[in-house]
Amino acid sequence: MAGQTSSYQIGVYNQPRVYTLAEAMALFPLVRRVTREAYEELEPVRRKLEAMLPTNPQITDVEKQYEIIVKRWVGKMERLGLVIKGLWLVDFDTGDGYLCWKFPELRLGHYHGYHQGFAGRRPISEVVEELDPDWARA
């Protein structure tokens, strides 16, 4: 892919966009990298918070630091038009359901309908083979 540049459409804040499978796959490396970086930034803060006694006067500052990191990640995901379903859990809206990913999964590999949720995830390949959805066509 030498010579090619990637461009990502930054959407309106908190406005999910509809993705094709190809668009979601192209954006996925960025989503994974940003999420991994946020996770790595948050992990020491989480461990510190977990080790603190509730009476520790510094707990408020550590909680604020935790919140800042999470909100920054959420903001980045929302600007990419993704739907945040939980910490490190995002969905790419396809117009009839979601391509679903949760860190630290290595690839974008699952789909679920709007009403199934995370527990109803199915492999994308299975859904494409069975339903041949418009979002999977190039």
C-alpha atoms as a PDB file:
ATOM      1  CA  MET A   1       0.000   0.000   0.000  1.00  0.00           C
ATOM      2  CA  ALA A   2       2.911   2.288  -0.557  1.00  0.00           C
ATOM      3  CA  GLY A   3       1.853   5.684  -1.743  1.00  0.00           C
ATOM      4  CA  GLN A   4      -1.701   5.340  -0.464  1.00  0.00           C
ATOM      5  CA  THR A   5      -2.961   7.500   2.321  1.00  0.00           C
ATOM      6  CA  SER A   6      -5.824   6.662   4.581  1.00  0.00           C
ATOM      7  CA  SER A   7      -8.472   9.200   5.322  1.00  0.00           C
ATOM      8  CA  TYR A   8     -11.045   8.857   8.021  1.00  0.00           C
ATOM      9  CA  GLN A   9     -14.255  10.787   8.132  1.00  0.00           C
ATOM     10  CA  ILE A  10     -14.545  12.536  11.453  1.00  0.00           C
ATOM     11  CA  GLY A  11     -18.217  12.909  12.164  1.00  0.00           C
ATOM     12  CA  VAL A  12     -20.356  15.182  14.218  1.00  0.00           C
ATOM     13  CA  TYR A  13     -19.843  14.576  17.926  1.00  0.00           C
ATOM     14  CA  ASN A  14     -22.101  11.823  19.249  1.00  0.00           C
ATOM     15  CA  GLN A  15     -23.590  11.091  15.798  1.00  0.00           C
ATOM     16  CA  PRO A  16     -23.026   7.447  14.822  1.00  0.00           C
ATOM     17  CA  ARG A  17     -22.453   6.833  11.149  1.00  0.00           C
ATOM     18  CA  VAL A  18     -23.331   3.819   9.043  1.00  0.00           C
ATOM     19  CA  TYR A  19     -20.378   1.691   7.926  1.00  0.00           C
ATOM     20  CA  THR A  20     -19.916  -0.924   5.247  1.00  0.00           C
ATOM     21  CA  LEU A  21     -17.793  -3.902   6.204  1.00  0.00           C
ATOM     22  CA  ALA A  22     -14.939  -2.570   4.049  1.00  0.00           C
ATOM     23  CA  GLU A  23     -15.081   0.859   5.729  1.00  0.00           C
ATOM     24  CA  ALA A  24     -15.147  -0.678   9.201  1.00  0.00           C
ATOM     25  CA  MET A  25     -12.211  -2.966   8.374  1.00  0.00           C
ATOM     26  CA  ALA A  26     -10.220  -0.011   7.024  1.00  0.00           C
ATOM     27  CA  LEU A  27     -10.870   2.017  10.181  1.00  0.00           C
ATOM     28  CA  PHE A  28     -10.338  -0.880  12.591  1.00  0.00           C
ATOM     29  CA  PRO A  29      -6.519  -0.605  12.934  1.00  0.00           C
ATOM     30  CA  LEU A  30      -6.907   3.004  14.101  1.00  0.00           C
ATOM     31  CA  VAL A  31      -9.700   2.077  16.537  1.00  0.00           C
ATOM     32  CA  ARG A  32      -7.620  -0.761  17.956  1.00  0.00           C
ATOM     33  CA  ARG A  33      -4.484   1.397  18.290  1.00  0.00           C
ATOM     34  CA  VAL A  34      -6.304   4.288  20.003  1.00  0.00           C
ATOM     35  CA  THR A  35      -8.048   1.839  22.334  1.00  0.00           C
ATOM     36  CA  ARG A  36      -4.834  -0.014  23.164  1.00  0.00           C
ATOM     37  CA  GLU A  37      -3.087   3.286  23.976  1.00  0.00           C
ATOM     38  CA  ALA A  38      -5.964   4.391  26.223  1.00  0.00           C
ATOM     39  CA  TYR A  39      -6.020   0.994  27.926  1.00  0.00           C
ATOM     40  CA  GLU A  40      -2.268   1.160  28.568  1.00  0.00           C
ATOM     41  CA  GLU A  41      -2.625   4.680  29.965  1.00  0.00           C
ATOM     42  CA  LEU A  42      -5.535   3.680  32.200  1.00  0.00           C
ATOM     43  CA  GLU A  43      -4.153   0.401  33.563  1.00  0.00           C
ATOM     44  CA  PRO A  44      -1.695   1.904  36.102  1.00  0.00           C
ATOM     45  CA  VAL A  45      -4.367   4.361  37.243  1.00  0.00           C
ATOM     46  CA  ARG A  46      -6.848   1.504  37.655  1.00  0.00           C
ATOM     47  CA  ARG A  47      -4.339  -0.534  39.656  1.00  0.00           C
ATOM     48  CA  LYS A  48      -3.538   2.471  41.845  1.00  0.00           C
ATOM     49  CA  LEU A  49      -7.227   3.128  42.444  1.00  0.00           C
ATOM     50  CA  GLU A  50      -7.860  -0.524  43.242  1.00  0.00           C
ATOM     51  CA  ALA A  51      -5.077  -0.513  45.847  1.00  0.00           C
ATOM     52  CA  MET A  52      -6.281   2.659  47.597  1.00  0.00           C
ATOM     53  CA  LEU A  53      -8.371   2.649  50.715  1.00  0.00           C
ATOM     54  CA  PRO A  54     -11.657   4.562  50.361  1.00  0.00           C
ATOM     55  CA  THR A  55     -10.484   6.933  53.090  1.00  0.00           C
ATOM     56  CA  ASN A  56      -7.322   7.928  51.210  1.00  0.00           C
ATOM     57  CA  PRO A  57      -7.527  11.692  50.559  1.00  0.00           C
ATOM     58  CA  GLN A  58      -5.876  11.219  47.130  1.00  0.00           C
ATOM     59  CA  ILE A  59      -8.628   8.930  45.870  1.00  0.00           C
ATOM     60  CA  THR A  60     -10.607  11.811  44.351  1.00  0.00           C
ATOM     61  CA  ASP A  61      -7.638  12.924  42.251  1.00  0.00           C
ATOM     62  CA  VAL A  62      -7.002   9.381  41.021  1.00  0.00           C
ATOM     63  CA  GLU A  63     -10.702   8.929  40.183  1.00  0.00           C
ATOM     64  CA  LYS A  64     -10.607  12.174  38.177  1.00  0.00           C
ATOM     65  CA  GLN A  65      -7.532  10.968  36.291  1.00  0.00           C
ATOM     66  CA  TYR A  66      -9.350   7.691  35.516  1.00  0.00           C
ATOM     67  CA  GLU A  67     -12.414   9.577  34.296  1.00  0.00           C
ATOM     68  CA  ILE A  68     -10.359  11.903  32.072  1.00  0.00           C
ATOM     69  CA  ILE A  69      -8.683   8.987  30.295  1.00  0.00           C
ATOM     70  CA  VAL A  70     -11.975   7.153  29.725  1.00  0.00           C
ATOM     71  CA  LYS A  71     -13.791  10.288  28.531  1.00  0.00           C
ATOM     72  CA  ARG A  72     -10.959  11.088  26.112  1.00  0.00           C
ATOM     73  CA  TRP A  73     -11.224   7.571  24.618  1.00  0.00           C
ATOM     74  CA  VAL A  74     -15.036   7.805  24.395  1.00  0.00           C
ATOM     75  CA  GLY A  75     -14.749  11.176  22.651  1.00  0.00           C
ATOM     76  CA  LYS A  76     -12.329   9.807  20.069  1.00  0.00           C
ATOM     77  CA  MET A  77     -14.559   6.808  19.335  1.00  0.00           C
ATOM     78  CA  GLU A  78     -17.655   9.004  19.048  1.00  0.00           C
ATOM     79  CA  ARG A  79     -15.871  11.365  16.656  1.00  0.00           C
ATOM     80  CA  LEU A  80     -15.192   8.344  14.437  1.00  0.00           C
ATOM     81  CA  GLY A  81     -18.943   7.660  14.450  1.00  0.00           C
ATOM     82  CA  LEU A  82     -18.794   4.539  16.595  1.00  0.00           C
ATOM     83  CA  VAL A  83     -21.336   3.489  19.200  1.00  0.00           C
ATOM     84  CA  ILE A  84     -19.800   2.979  22.648  1.00  0.00           C
ATOM     85  CA  LYS A  85     -21.383   0.037  24.477  1.00  0.00           C
ATOM     86  CA  GLY A  86     -19.001  -0.165  27.416  1.00  0.00           C
ATOM     87  CA  LEU A  87     -15.404   0.322  28.413  1.00  0.00           C
ATOM     88  CA  TRP A  88     -13.291  -0.822  25.433  1.00  0.00           C
ATOM     89  CA  LEU A  89     -16.434  -2.082  23.657  1.00  0.00           C
ATOM     90  CA  VAL A  90     -17.513  -0.389  20.420  1.00  0.00           C
ATOM     91  CA  ASP A  91     -19.973  -1.073  17.622  1.00  0.00           C
ATOM     92  CA  PHE A  92     -19.850  -0.005  13.984  1.00  0.00           C
ATOM     93  CA  ASP A  93     -23.441   0.638  12.844  1.00  0.00           C
ATOM     94  CA  THR A  94     -24.233  -1.131   9.538  1.00  0.00           C
ATOM     95  CA  GLY A  95     -27.774   0.142   9.122  1.00  0.00           C
ATOM     96  CA  ASP A  96     -29.312  -3.158  10.230  1.00  0.00           C
ATOM     97  CA  GLY A  97     -27.143  -4.059  13.207  1.00  0.00           C
ATOM     98  CA  TYR A  98     -23.608  -3.724  14.498  1.00  0.00           C
ATOM     99  CA  LEU A  99     -20.135  -4.954  13.731  1.00  0.00           C
ATOM    100  CA  CYS A 100     -18.994  -5.483  17.298  1.00  0.00           C
ATOM    101  CA  TRP A 101     -15.496  -5.313  18.806  1.00  0.00           C
ATOM    102  CA  LYS A 102     -14.142  -5.503  22.332  1.00  0.00           C
ATOM    103  CA  PHE A 103     -10.533  -4.868  23.278  1.00  0.00           C
ATOM    104  CA  PRO A 104      -8.255  -6.885  23.341  1.00  0.00           C
ATOM    105  CA  GLU A 105      -9.742  -8.876  20.429  1.00  0.00           C
ATOM    106  CA  LEU A 106      -7.258  -8.867  17.555  1.00  0.00           C
ATOM    107  CA  ARG A 107      -9.771  -8.382  14.782  1.00  0.00           C
ATOM    108  CA  LEU A 108     -13.216  -7.062  14.022  1.00  0.00           C
ATOM    109  CA  GLY A 109     -14.953 -10.400  13.784  1.00  0.00           C
ATOM    110  CA  HIS A 110     -18.494 -10.245  15.169  1.00  0.00           C
ATOM    111  CA  TYR A 111     -21.923  -8.931  14.271  1.00  0.00           C
ATOM    112  CA  HIS A 112     -25.174  -8.615  16.195  1.00  0.00           C
ATOM    113  CA  GLY A 113     -28.558  -7.133  15.429  1.00  0.00           C
ATOM    114  CA  TYR A 114     -29.764  -3.974  17.108  1.00  0.00           C
ATOM    115  CA  HIS A 115     -31.682  -5.914  19.738  1.00  0.00           C
ATOM    116  CA  GLN A 116     -29.376  -8.882  20.387  1.00  0.00           C
ATOM    117  CA  GLY A 117     -26.499  -7.117  22.124  1.00  0.00           C
ATOM    118  CA  PHE A 118     -23.075  -8.496  22.969  1.00  0.00           C
ATOM    119  CA  ALA A 119     -24.423 -11.909  24.049  1.00  0.00           C
ATOM    120  CA  GLY A 120     -25.982 -12.367  20.598  1.00  0.00           C
ATOM    121  CA  ARG A 121     -22.768 -11.816  18.672  1.00  0.00           C
ATOM    122  CA  ARG A 122     -22.131 -14.068  15.685  1.00  0.00           C
ATOM    123  CA  PRO A 123     -19.047 -14.365  13.483  1.00  0.00           C
ATOM    124  CA  ILE A 124     -19.219 -11.864  10.625  1.00  0.00           C
ATOM    125  CA  SER A 125     -18.358 -14.583   8.087  1.00  0.00           C
ATOM    126  CA  GLU A 126     -21.367 -16.632   9.249  1.00  0.00           C
ATOM    127  CA  VAL A 127     -23.733 -13.659   8.938  1.00  0.00           C
ATOM    128  CA  VAL A 128     -22.399 -12.731   5.487  1.00  0.00           C
ATOM    129  CA  GLU A 129     -22.732 -16.289   4.219  1.00  0.00           C
ATOM    130  CA  GLU A 130     -26.243 -16.708   5.610  1.00  0.00           C
ATOM    131  CA  LEU A 131     -27.775 -13.281   4.915  1.00  0.00           C
ATOM    132  CA  ASP A 132     -25.597 -11.631   2.211  1.00  0.00           C
ATOM    133  CA  PRO A 133     -26.247  -8.175   3.738  1.00  0.00           C
ATOM    134  CA  ASP A 134     -25.770  -4.979   1.733  1.00  0.00           C
ATOM    135  CA  TRP A 135     -23.131  -3.697   4.174  1.00  0.00           C
ATOM    136  CA  ALA A 136     -20.862  -6.655   3.300  1.00  0.00           C
ATOM    137  CA  ARG A 137     -20.809  -5.960  -0.432  1.00  0.00           C
ATOM    138  CA  ALA A 138     -17.867  -4.002  -1.823  1.00  0.00           C
END
